[in-house]
Amino acid sequence: MLIPFLIGLLPSLVLGPAWILEIYQAEMQWQKTQIGLDNAAILLGRNDRDLMNDVFESEVRLENLHQILHKALSCSLVPATATPCQIVSRKTQLLIQTLILKTKEVAQFKWVRGGANARSNLLRQKILFTLSRSSFWPGKLQTCSFCHLGIHWAEDFGELKSELRSSRYPSSSVKVAALKTSNGDWSYRLWAQ
């Protein structure tokens, strides 16, 4: 009676530790993947937050230049002060266009750099992943109704989202979004699935 019981118990006693080790290693790999995705998403979020704070600091300078431009354009309508005011308005327009161009270039560079930093972080940890992120910075410039030059970056940054998904565990993903806080600064939010 005892021998059949031992024969039935023997495979689980011999193979049990191997099964437990396999389950343990699979769980550790899943945890390593999830932690890696979270860390890469934090890098993306910090990058996007810094990027948006820089863009909106540039917007403050842009608004100041617009005030100068509007005064110069109004002044250039008066015949007595037209010539010096036109010179000031042309130079200010050039400054505004240069600032807009520089802001777009820097934003695009930081946008691409953020994605590259997240990728390199995950590759360094040997985690297979996919990154869903626009290849171009999604900023859109709104124009001024008075001078028809760009003045504000659009507040709707719904496209300012990224998603990191594990290739090995498709149900594991982390989404990142840049959000404007109540005090006007930018922050980021992570959603893990």
N, C-alpha and C. Protein backbone atom coordinates (compact mmCIF):
# COMPACT_ATOMS: atom_id res chain seq x y z
N MET A 1 0.80 -1.18 0.00
CA MET A 1 0.00 0.00 0.00
C MET A 1 0.86 1.27 0.00
N LEU A 2 1.96 1.21 0.69
CA LEU A 2 2.84 2.35 0.79
C LEU A 2 3.64 2.56 -0.50
N ILE A 3 3.96 1.51 -1.21
CA ILE A 3 4.77 1.60 -2.43
C ILE A 3 4.02 2.36 -3.53
N PRO A 4 2.77 2.08 -3.85
CA PRO A 4 2.08 2.88 -4.88
C PRO A 4 2.00 4.36 -4.51
N PHE A 5 1.81 4.61 -3.22
CA PHE A 5 1.75 6.00 -2.77
C PHE A 5 3.09 6.70 -3.00
N LEU A 6 4.19 6.02 -2.69
CA LEU A 6 5.53 6.60 -2.90
C LEU A 6 5.83 6.76 -4.38
N ILE A 7 5.40 5.80 -5.18
CA ILE A 7 5.61 5.91 -6.63
C ILE A 7 4.83 7.10 -7.17
N GLY A 8 3.64 7.36 -6.67
CA GLY A 8 2.84 8.52 -7.10
C GLY A 8 3.44 9.83 -6.60
N LEU A 9 4.06 9.80 -5.43
CA LEU A 9 4.62 11.01 -4.83
C LEU A 9 6.02 11.33 -5.36
N LEU A 10 6.73 10.32 -5.83
CA LEU A 10 8.11 10.48 -6.27
C LEU A 10 8.30 11.52 -7.38
N PRO A 11 7.49 11.53 -8.46
CA PRO A 11 7.70 12.55 -9.51
C PRO A 11 7.55 13.98 -8.99
N SER A 12 6.57 14.19 -8.10
CA SER A 12 6.40 15.55 -7.61
C SER A 12 7.54 15.93 -6.66
N LEU A 13 8.09 14.95 -5.91
CA LEU A 13 9.22 15.25 -5.04
C LEU A 13 10.49 15.54 -5.85
N VAL A 14 10.66 14.83 -6.95
CA VAL A 14 11.86 15.02 -7.78
C VAL A 14 11.71 16.26 -8.65
N LEU A 15 10.56 16.40 -9.30
CA LEU A 15 10.37 17.50 -10.25
C LEU A 15 9.83 18.77 -9.60
N GLY A 16 9.32 18.70 -8.40
CA GLY A 16 8.75 19.86 -7.70
C GLY A 16 9.71 21.03 -7.59
N PRO A 17 10.92 20.83 -7.11
CA PRO A 17 11.86 21.96 -7.02
C PRO A 17 12.17 22.59 -8.38
N ALA A 18 12.24 21.75 -9.41
CA ALA A 18 12.52 22.29 -10.75
C ALA A 18 11.34 23.14 -11.23
N TRP A 19 10.11 22.69 -10.95
CA TRP A 19 8.93 23.46 -11.34
C TRP A 19 8.87 24.79 -10.57
N ILE A 20 9.15 24.71 -9.30
CA ILE A 20 9.13 25.92 -8.47
C ILE A 20 10.19 26.90 -8.94
N LEU A 21 11.37 26.39 -9.29
CA LEU A 21 12.44 27.25 -9.79
C LEU A 21 12.02 27.92 -11.10
N GLU A 22 11.37 27.16 -11.97
CA GLU A 22 10.92 27.71 -13.25
C GLU A 22 9.87 28.82 -13.04
N ILE A 23 8.94 28.59 -12.13
CA ILE A 23 7.92 29.60 -11.83
C ILE A 23 8.58 30.83 -11.22
N TYR A 24 9.52 30.63 -10.32
CA TYR A 24 10.23 31.73 -9.67
C TYR A 24 10.99 32.57 -10.70
N GLN A 25 11.69 31.91 -11.62
CA GLN A 25 12.46 32.65 -12.63
C GLN A 25 11.54 33.42 -13.57
N ALA A 26 10.41 32.84 -13.93
CA ALA A 26 9.45 33.55 -14.79
C ALA A 26 8.90 34.78 -14.08
N GLU A 27 8.60 34.65 -12.80
CA GLU A 27 8.09 35.78 -12.02
C GLU A 27 9.15 36.87 -11.88
N MET A 28 10.37 36.50 -11.64
CA MET A 28 11.45 37.48 -11.52
C MET A 28 11.69 38.21 -12.85
N GLN A 29 11.59 37.47 -13.95
CA GLN A 29 11.74 38.10 -15.27
C GLN A 29 10.62 39.10 -15.53
N TRP A 30 9.38 38.75 -15.14
CA TRP A 30 8.25 39.66 -15.32
C TRP A 30 8.45 40.92 -14.48
N GLN A 31 8.90 40.74 -13.22
CA GLN A 31 9.13 41.89 -12.35
C GLN A 31 10.24 42.78 -12.90
N LYS A 32 11.31 42.16 -13.41
CA LYS A 32 12.41 42.93 -13.99
C LYS A 32 11.92 43.74 -15.20
N THR A 33 11.08 43.12 -16.02
CA THR A 33 10.51 43.80 -17.18
C THR A 33 9.64 44.98 -16.76
N GLN A 34 8.78 44.75 -15.77
CA GLN A 34 7.88 45.82 -15.32
C GLN A 34 8.66 46.98 -14.71
N ILE A 35 9.67 46.68 -13.92
CA ILE A 35 10.50 47.72 -13.31
C ILE A 35 11.25 48.49 -14.40
N GLY A 36 11.77 47.77 -15.40
CA GLY A 36 12.46 48.42 -16.51
C GLY A 36 11.55 49.35 -17.30
N LEU A 37 10.30 48.88 -17.57
CA LEU A 37 9.33 49.73 -18.27
C LEU A 37 8.99 50.97 -17.44
N ASP A 38 8.81 50.78 -16.14
CA ASP A 38 8.51 51.92 -15.26
C ASP A 38 9.64 52.93 -15.26
N ASN A 39 10.87 52.45 -15.16
CA ASN A 39 12.02 53.37 -15.14
C ASN A 39 12.15 54.13 -16.46
N ALA A 40 11.95 53.44 -17.57
CA ALA A 40 12.01 54.11 -18.87
C ALA A 40 10.86 55.12 -19.01
N ALA A 41 9.69 54.78 -18.50
CA ALA A 41 8.56 55.71 -18.55
C ALA A 41 8.82 56.94 -17.69
N ILE A 42 9.48 56.76 -16.57
CA ILE A 42 9.84 57.91 -15.73
C ILE A 42 10.82 58.81 -16.47
N LEU A 43 11.78 58.21 -17.17
CA LEU A 43 12.70 59.01 -17.99
C LEU A 43 11.95 59.81 -19.05
N LEU A 44 11.00 59.15 -19.72
CA LEU A 44 10.20 59.84 -20.74
C LEU A 44 9.39 60.97 -20.12
N GLY A 45 8.77 60.71 -18.99
CA GLY A 45 7.96 61.72 -18.33
C GLY A 45 8.77 62.92 -17.89
N ARG A 46 9.94 62.68 -17.30
CA ARG A 46 10.80 63.79 -16.89
C ARG A 46 11.25 64.61 -18.10
N ASN A 47 11.60 63.91 -19.17
CA ASN A 47 12.02 64.60 -20.38
C ASN A 47 10.88 65.46 -20.93
N ASP A 48 9.68 64.91 -21.01
CA ASP A 48 8.54 65.65 -21.54
C ASP A 48 8.20 66.84 -20.65
N ARG A 49 8.29 66.64 -19.33
CA ARG A 49 8.01 67.75 -18.40
C ARG A 49 9.01 68.88 -18.62
N ASP A 50 10.30 68.55 -18.68
CA ASP A 50 11.32 69.58 -18.89
C ASP A 50 11.14 70.26 -20.24
N LEU A 51 10.82 69.49 -21.24
CA LEU A 51 10.57 70.03 -22.59
C LEU A 51 9.44 71.04 -22.57
N MET A 52 8.32 70.67 -21.96
CA MET A 52 7.16 71.57 -21.96
C MET A 52 7.42 72.81 -21.10
N ASN A 53 8.14 72.65 -20.00
CA ASN A 53 8.49 73.84 -19.20
C ASN A 53 9.37 74.79 -20.01
N ASP A 54 10.31 74.26 -20.77
CA ASP A 54 11.16 75.10 -21.63
C ASP A 54 10.34 75.80 -22.71
N VAL A 55 9.41 75.07 -23.31
CA VAL A 55 8.58 75.66 -24.37
C VAL A 55 7.74 76.80 -23.81
N PHE A 56 7.19 76.63 -22.64
CA PHE A 56 6.34 77.69 -22.11
C PHE A 56 7.14 78.83 -21.50
N GLU A 57 8.40 78.60 -21.12
CA GLU A 57 9.28 79.72 -20.77
C GLU A 57 9.56 80.55 -22.03
N SER A 58 9.77 79.87 -23.14
CA SER A 58 9.97 80.55 -24.41
C SER A 58 8.72 81.34 -24.81
N GLU A 59 7.56 80.82 -24.46
CA GLU A 59 6.31 81.52 -24.78
C GLU A 59 6.21 82.85 -24.03
N VAL A 60 6.73 82.90 -22.82
CA VAL A 60 6.72 84.16 -22.06
C VAL A 60 7.56 85.21 -22.79
N ARG A 61 8.73 84.79 -23.26
CA ARG A 61 9.58 85.71 -24.04
C ARG A 61 8.86 86.13 -25.33
N LEU A 62 8.16 85.19 -25.94
CA LEU A 62 7.42 85.46 -27.17
C LEU A 62 6.31 86.50 -26.93
N GLU A 63 5.62 86.37 -25.82
CA GLU A 63 4.57 87.34 -25.49
C GLU A 63 5.15 88.73 -25.26
N ASN A 64 6.30 88.79 -24.59
CA ASN A 64 6.95 90.09 -24.37
C ASN A 64 7.36 90.73 -25.70
N LEU A 65 7.90 89.93 -26.60
CA LEU A 65 8.27 90.46 -27.92
C LEU A 65 7.03 90.93 -28.69
N HIS A 66 5.92 90.21 -28.53
CA HIS A 66 4.69 90.61 -29.20
C HIS A 66 4.20 91.96 -28.70
N GLN A 67 4.32 92.21 -27.42
CA GLN A 67 3.90 93.53 -26.89
C GLN A 67 4.72 94.64 -27.53
N ILE A 68 6.03 94.40 -27.65
CA ILE A 68 6.91 95.40 -28.29
C ILE A 68 6.51 95.58 -29.76
N LEU A 69 6.27 94.46 -30.43
CA LEU A 69 5.91 94.50 -31.85
C LEU A 69 4.59 95.26 -32.06
N HIS A 70 3.61 94.99 -31.23
CA HIS A 70 2.31 95.64 -31.39
C HIS A 70 2.43 97.14 -31.19
N LYS A 71 3.24 97.54 -30.21
CA LYS A 71 3.46 98.98 -30.00
C LYS A 71 4.18 99.59 -31.21
N ALA A 72 5.17 98.88 -31.74
CA ALA A 72 5.92 99.39 -32.89
C ALA A 72 5.03 99.45 -34.14
N LEU A 73 4.17 98.47 -34.34
CA LEU A 73 3.26 98.50 -35.49
C LEU A 73 2.26 99.64 -35.37
N SER A 74 1.76 99.86 -34.19
CA SER A 74 0.83 100.99 -33.98
C SER A 74 1.55 102.31 -34.19
N CYS A 75 2.78 102.40 -33.68
CA CYS A 75 3.58 103.62 -33.81
C CYS A 75 3.92 103.90 -35.28
N SER A 76 4.11 102.85 -36.07
CA SER A 76 4.49 103.05 -37.47
C SER A 76 3.34 103.61 -38.32
N LEU A 77 2.13 103.63 -37.78
CA LEU A 77 1.00 104.21 -38.50
C LEU A 77 0.99 105.74 -38.40
N VAL A 78 1.71 106.28 -37.43
CA VAL A 78 1.81 107.74 -37.27
C VAL A 78 2.92 108.23 -38.20
N PRO A 79 2.64 109.17 -39.12
CA PRO A 79 3.64 109.60 -40.11
C PRO A 79 4.94 110.15 -39.48
N ALA A 80 4.83 110.82 -38.38
CA ALA A 80 6.03 111.44 -37.79
C ALA A 80 7.02 110.40 -37.25
N THR A 81 6.52 109.26 -36.79
CA THR A 81 7.39 108.24 -36.19
C THR A 81 7.43 106.95 -37.02
N ALA A 82 6.96 107.01 -38.24
CA ALA A 82 6.81 105.80 -39.05
C ALA A 82 8.14 105.10 -39.31
N THR A 83 9.16 105.83 -39.74
CA THR A 83 10.42 105.19 -40.13
C THR A 83 11.10 104.47 -38.97
N PRO A 84 11.36 105.13 -37.83
CA PRO A 84 12.03 104.39 -36.75
C PRO A 84 11.18 103.24 -36.22
N CYS A 85 9.87 103.40 -36.18
CA CYS A 85 9.00 102.34 -35.67
C CYS A 85 8.96 101.15 -36.63
N GLN A 86 9.03 101.40 -37.93
CA GLN A 86 9.06 100.30 -38.90
C GLN A 86 10.34 99.48 -38.74
N ILE A 87 11.44 100.17 -38.47
CA ILE A 87 12.72 99.45 -38.25
C ILE A 87 12.60 98.55 -37.02
N VAL A 88 12.04 99.11 -35.94
CA VAL A 88 11.86 98.34 -34.70
C VAL A 88 10.92 97.16 -34.95
N SER A 89 9.84 97.39 -35.69
CA SER A 89 8.89 96.30 -35.93
C SER A 89 9.50 95.19 -36.79
N ARG A 90 10.31 95.56 -37.80
CA ARG A 90 10.96 94.54 -38.63
C ARG A 90 11.93 93.70 -37.81
N LYS A 91 12.71 94.38 -36.96
CA LYS A 91 13.68 93.65 -36.13
C LYS A 91 12.97 92.77 -35.11
N THR A 92 11.89 93.26 -34.56
CA THR A 92 11.14 92.46 -33.59
C THR A 92 10.48 91.27 -34.26
N GLN A 93 9.96 91.45 -35.47
CA GLN A 93 9.39 90.33 -36.21
C GLN A 93 10.45 89.26 -36.47
N LEU A 94 11.64 89.72 -36.81
CA LEU A 94 12.74 88.77 -37.04
C LEU A 94 13.08 88.02 -35.75
N LEU A 95 13.11 88.73 -34.63
CA LEU A 95 13.38 88.08 -33.34
C LEU A 95 12.29 87.05 -33.01
N ILE A 96 11.05 87.41 -33.27
CA ILE A 96 9.94 86.49 -32.99
C ILE A 96 10.06 85.23 -33.85
N GLN A 97 10.31 85.41 -35.14
CA GLN A 97 10.45 84.26 -36.04
C GLN A 97 11.63 83.39 -35.64
N THR A 98 12.74 84.02 -35.23
CA THR A 98 13.91 83.27 -34.80
C THR A 98 13.61 82.49 -33.52
N LEU A 99 12.93 83.13 -32.58
CA LEU A 99 12.59 82.47 -31.32
C LEU A 99 11.67 81.28 -31.57
N ILE A 100 10.70 81.44 -32.45
CA ILE A 100 9.78 80.34 -32.77
C ILE A 100 10.55 79.17 -33.39
N LEU A 101 11.40 79.49 -34.35
CA LEU A 101 12.17 78.45 -35.02
C LEU A 101 13.10 77.73 -34.04
N LYS A 102 13.78 78.49 -33.19
CA LYS A 102 14.69 77.91 -32.21
C LYS A 102 13.93 77.02 -31.22
N THR A 103 12.76 77.50 -30.78
CA THR A 103 11.95 76.72 -29.84
C THR A 103 11.52 75.40 -30.46
N LYS A 104 11.09 75.45 -31.72
CA LYS A 104 10.68 74.20 -32.41
C LYS A 104 11.86 73.24 -32.55
N GLU A 105 13.02 73.77 -32.91
CA GLU A 105 14.21 72.91 -33.08
C GLU A 105 14.61 72.26 -31.76
N VAL A 106 14.66 73.06 -30.71
CA VAL A 106 15.05 72.53 -29.40
C VAL A 106 14.02 71.52 -28.91
N ALA A 107 12.74 71.83 -29.10
CA ALA A 107 11.68 70.91 -28.66
C ALA A 107 11.77 69.59 -29.43
N GLN A 108 11.99 69.65 -30.72
CA GLN A 108 12.12 68.42 -31.51
C GLN A 108 13.33 67.61 -31.05
N PHE A 109 14.44 68.29 -30.80
CA PHE A 109 15.64 67.60 -30.34
C PHE A 109 15.39 66.91 -28.99
N LYS A 110 14.77 67.63 -28.06
CA LYS A 110 14.51 67.05 -26.74
C LYS A 110 13.48 65.93 -26.82
N TRP A 111 12.52 66.05 -27.71
CA TRP A 111 11.51 65.01 -27.90
C TRP A 111 12.17 63.71 -28.38
N VAL A 112 13.04 63.84 -29.37
CA VAL A 112 13.73 62.66 -29.91
C VAL A 112 14.70 62.10 -28.87
N ARG A 113 15.40 62.98 -28.17
CA ARG A 113 16.35 62.54 -27.14
C ARG A 113 15.65 61.78 -26.03
N GLY A 114 14.45 62.20 -25.64
CA GLY A 114 13.71 61.50 -24.60
C GLY A 114 13.38 60.07 -25.01
N GLY A 115 12.93 59.90 -26.25
CA GLY A 115 12.65 58.55 -26.74
C GLY A 115 13.91 57.70 -26.82
N ALA A 116 15.00 58.31 -27.24
CA ALA A 116 16.27 57.58 -27.34
C ALA A 116 16.78 57.17 -25.96
N ASN A 117 16.62 58.05 -24.96
CA ASN A 117 17.06 57.71 -23.61
C ASN A 117 16.26 56.53 -23.05
N ALA A 118 14.95 56.54 -23.29
CA ALA A 118 14.11 55.43 -22.82
C ALA A 118 14.50 54.13 -23.52
N ARG A 119 14.72 54.21 -24.83
CA ARG A 119 15.13 53.01 -25.58
C ARG A 119 16.45 52.46 -25.07
N SER A 120 17.44 53.33 -24.89
CA SER A 120 18.75 52.85 -24.46
C SER A 120 18.68 52.26 -23.05
N ASN A 121 17.83 52.83 -22.20
CA ASN A 121 17.67 52.29 -20.85
C ASN A 121 17.13 50.86 -20.91
N LEU A 122 16.13 50.64 -21.75
CA LEU A 122 15.54 49.30 -21.86
C LEU A 122 16.48 48.33 -22.56
N LEU A 123 17.19 48.79 -23.57
CA LEU A 123 18.13 47.91 -24.27
C LEU A 123 19.29 47.50 -23.37
N ARG A 124 19.72 48.43 -22.51
CA ARG A 124 20.79 48.13 -21.56
C ARG A 124 20.37 47.00 -20.62
N GLN A 125 19.08 46.95 -20.29
CA GLN A 125 18.57 45.92 -19.39
C GLN A 125 18.13 44.67 -20.15
N LYS A 126 18.31 44.68 -21.47
CA LYS A 126 17.95 43.55 -22.34
C LYS A 126 16.46 43.21 -22.24
N ILE A 127 15.64 44.26 -22.29
CA ILE A 127 14.19 44.09 -22.26
C ILE A 127 13.64 44.36 -23.66
N LEU A 128 12.89 43.41 -24.18
CA LEU A 128 12.25 43.58 -25.48
C LEU A 128 11.00 44.42 -25.30
N PHE A 129 10.82 45.45 -26.12
CA PHE A 129 9.74 46.41 -25.92
C PHE A 129 9.35 47.06 -27.23
N THR A 130 8.21 47.74 -27.20
CA THR A 130 7.83 48.64 -28.29
C THR A 130 7.49 49.99 -27.67
N LEU A 131 7.89 51.04 -28.35
CA LEU A 131 7.62 52.40 -27.89
C LEU A 131 6.69 53.06 -28.89
N SER A 132 5.49 53.40 -28.44
CA SER A 132 4.53 54.12 -29.28
C SER A 132 4.65 55.60 -28.95
N ARG A 133 5.24 56.33 -29.86
CA ARG A 133 5.49 57.76 -29.63
C ARG A 133 5.64 58.41 -30.99
N SER A 134 5.05 59.57 -31.13
CA SER A 134 5.16 60.30 -32.39
C SER A 134 6.64 60.60 -32.67
N SER A 135 7.04 60.54 -33.93
CA SER A 135 8.45 60.82 -34.24
C SER A 135 8.74 62.31 -34.26
N PHE A 136 7.67 63.13 -34.33
CA PHE A 136 7.84 64.59 -34.32
C PHE A 136 7.13 65.17 -33.11
N TRP A 137 7.74 66.20 -32.54
CA TRP A 137 7.12 66.88 -31.41
C TRP A 137 5.78 67.46 -31.86
N PRO A 138 4.69 67.18 -31.12
CA PRO A 138 3.36 67.55 -31.60
C PRO A 138 2.92 68.98 -31.27
N GLY A 139 3.85 69.88 -31.02
CA GLY A 139 3.48 71.26 -30.68
C GLY A 139 2.92 72.02 -31.88
N LYS A 140 1.86 72.76 -31.63
CA LYS A 140 1.23 73.58 -32.68
C LYS A 140 1.19 75.02 -32.19
N LEU A 141 1.50 75.93 -33.07
CA LEU A 141 1.56 77.34 -32.71
C LEU A 141 0.29 78.05 -33.15
N GLN A 142 -0.30 78.81 -32.24
CA GLN A 142 -1.46 79.63 -32.56
C GLN A 142 -0.98 81.02 -32.95
N THR A 143 -1.62 81.62 -33.92
CA THR A 143 -1.16 82.92 -34.41
C THR A 143 -1.94 84.07 -33.76
N CYS A 144 -1.29 85.20 -33.72
CA CYS A 144 -1.86 86.43 -33.17
C CYS A 144 -2.77 87.05 -34.23
N SER A 145 -3.93 87.52 -33.82
CA SER A 145 -4.87 88.11 -34.77
C SER A 145 -4.43 89.50 -35.22
N PHE A 146 -3.53 90.13 -34.47
CA PHE A 146 -3.09 91.49 -34.81
C PHE A 146 -1.93 91.47 -35.81
N CYS A 147 -0.89 90.70 -35.51
CA CYS A 147 0.30 90.71 -36.36
C CYS A 147 0.46 89.44 -37.19
N HIS A 148 -0.36 88.43 -36.96
CA HIS A 148 -0.34 87.17 -37.70
C HIS A 148 0.95 86.39 -37.54
N LEU A 149 1.65 86.58 -36.44
CA LEU A 149 2.81 85.77 -36.11
C LEU A 149 2.42 84.85 -34.95
N GLY A 150 3.19 83.78 -34.77
CA GLY A 150 2.90 82.84 -33.69
C GLY A 150 3.02 83.50 -32.33
N ILE A 151 2.09 83.18 -31.45
CA ILE A 151 2.14 83.78 -30.11
C ILE A 151 2.00 82.76 -28.99
N HIS A 152 1.12 81.75 -29.13
CA HIS A 152 0.90 80.77 -28.07
C HIS A 152 1.02 79.37 -28.63
N TRP A 153 1.57 78.47 -27.81
CA TRP A 153 1.56 77.06 -28.16
C TRP A 153 0.20 76.53 -27.74
N ALA A 154 -0.37 75.70 -28.57
CA ALA A 154 -1.71 75.17 -28.30
C ALA A 154 -1.72 74.43 -26.97
N GLU A 155 -2.76 74.64 -26.21
CA GLU A 155 -2.88 74.03 -24.90
C GLU A 155 -3.27 72.55 -25.00
N ASP A 156 -3.83 72.14 -26.11
CA ASP A 156 -4.29 70.76 -26.24
C ASP A 156 -3.14 69.88 -26.72
N PHE A 157 -2.48 69.27 -25.79
CA PHE A 157 -1.38 68.36 -26.14
C PHE A 157 -1.82 66.92 -25.92
N GLY A 158 -2.96 66.57 -26.49
CA GLY A 158 -3.45 65.20 -26.37
C GLY A 158 -2.50 64.20 -27.00
N GLU A 159 -1.69 64.66 -27.97
CA GLU A 159 -0.76 63.75 -28.63
C GLU A 159 0.55 63.62 -27.86
N LEU A 160 0.65 64.32 -26.74
CA LEU A 160 1.88 64.30 -25.96
C LEU A 160 1.85 63.10 -25.02
N LYS A 161 1.57 61.94 -25.59
CA LYS A 161 1.50 60.71 -24.83
C LYS A 161 2.42 59.68 -25.47
N SER A 162 2.96 58.83 -24.63
CA SER A 162 3.81 57.76 -25.11
C SER A 162 3.39 56.48 -24.40
N GLU A 163 3.66 55.36 -25.04
CA GLU A 163 3.35 54.08 -24.42
C GLU A 163 4.51 53.13 -24.63
N LEU A 164 4.96 52.53 -23.54
CA LEU A 164 5.98 51.49 -23.57
C LEU A 164 5.28 50.16 -23.31
N ARG A 165 5.49 49.20 -24.20
CA ARG A 165 4.84 47.90 -24.05
C ARG A 165 5.90 46.80 -24.15
N SER A 166 5.82 45.86 -23.27
CA SER A 166 6.73 44.73 -23.28
C SER A 166 6.40 43.81 -24.44
N SER A 167 7.41 43.38 -25.17
CA SER A 167 7.17 42.44 -26.27
C SER A 167 6.99 41.02 -25.74
N ARG A 168 7.60 40.74 -24.62
CA ARG A 168 7.53 39.40 -24.04
C ARG A 168 6.22 39.20 -23.27
N TYR A 169 5.77 40.26 -22.60
CA TYR A 169 4.53 40.21 -21.83
C TYR A 169 3.60 41.30 -22.37
N PRO A 170 2.82 41.01 -23.41
CA PRO A 170 2.02 42.05 -24.07
C PRO A 170 1.03 42.77 -23.15
N SER A 171 0.65 42.13 -22.05
CA SER A 171 -0.29 42.80 -21.15
C SER A 171 0.42 43.84 -20.27
N SER A 172 1.75 43.83 -20.25
CA SER A 172 2.51 44.79 -19.45
C SER A 172 2.81 46.02 -20.29
N SER A 173 2.26 47.15 -19.87
CA SER A 173 2.56 48.39 -20.57
C SER A 173 2.49 49.54 -19.58
N VAL A 174 3.17 50.63 -19.95
CA VAL A 174 3.15 51.85 -19.15
C VAL A 174 2.92 53.00 -20.11
N LYS A 175 1.93 53.84 -19.79
CA LYS A 175 1.65 55.03 -20.59
C LYS A 175 2.15 56.25 -19.84
N VAL A 176 2.63 57.23 -20.60
CA VAL A 176 3.16 58.46 -20.03
C VAL A 176 2.47 59.63 -20.72
N ALA A 177 2.08 60.62 -19.94
CA ALA A 177 1.47 61.82 -20.51
C ALA A 177 1.97 63.04 -19.76
N ALA A 178 2.24 64.10 -20.50
CA ALA A 178 2.60 65.38 -19.88
C ALA A 178 1.32 66.13 -19.57
N LEU A 179 1.24 66.70 -18.38
CA LEU A 179 0.03 67.39 -17.94
C LEU A 179 0.40 68.75 -17.38
N LYS A 180 -0.46 69.73 -17.61
CA LYS A 180 -0.26 71.06 -17.05
C LYS A 180 -0.89 71.10 -15.66
N THR A 181 -0.12 71.54 -14.67
CA THR A 181 -0.63 71.59 -13.30
C THR A 181 -1.41 72.88 -13.08
N SER A 182 -2.04 72.98 -11.92
CA SER A 182 -2.87 74.15 -11.62
C SER A 182 -2.05 75.44 -11.50
N ASN A 183 -0.76 75.33 -11.15
CA ASN A 183 0.06 76.54 -11.04
C ASN A 183 0.74 76.92 -12.35
N GLY A 184 0.43 76.20 -13.43
CA GLY A 184 0.94 76.56 -14.75
C GLY A 184 2.19 75.81 -15.17
N ASP A 185 2.81 75.08 -14.24
CA ASP A 185 3.98 74.27 -14.60
C ASP A 185 3.51 72.96 -15.22
N TRP A 186 4.47 72.23 -15.73
CA TRP A 186 4.15 70.94 -16.36
C TRP A 186 4.67 69.81 -15.50
N SER A 187 3.95 68.71 -15.53
CA SER A 187 4.36 67.50 -14.83
C SER A 187 4.06 66.32 -15.74
N TYR A 188 4.18 65.12 -15.23
CA TYR A 188 3.87 63.95 -16.04
C TYR A 188 3.12 62.94 -15.19
N ARG A 189 2.43 62.04 -15.86
CA ARG A 189 1.66 61.01 -15.18
C ARG A 189 1.92 59.68 -15.84
N LEU A 190 2.00 58.64 -15.04
CA LEU A 190 2.23 57.29 -15.54
C LEU A 190 0.98 56.43 -15.28
N TRP A 191 0.64 55.59 -16.25
CA TRP A 191 -0.42 54.58 -16.08
C TRP A 191 0.20 53.23 -16.38
N ALA A 192 0.17 52.35 -15.43
CA ALA A 192 0.69 50.99 -15.66
C ALA A 192 -0.48 50.04 -15.85
N GLN A 193 -0.28 49.09 -16.77
CA GLN A 193 -1.30 48.07 -17.00
C GLN A 193 -0.68 46.71 -16.85
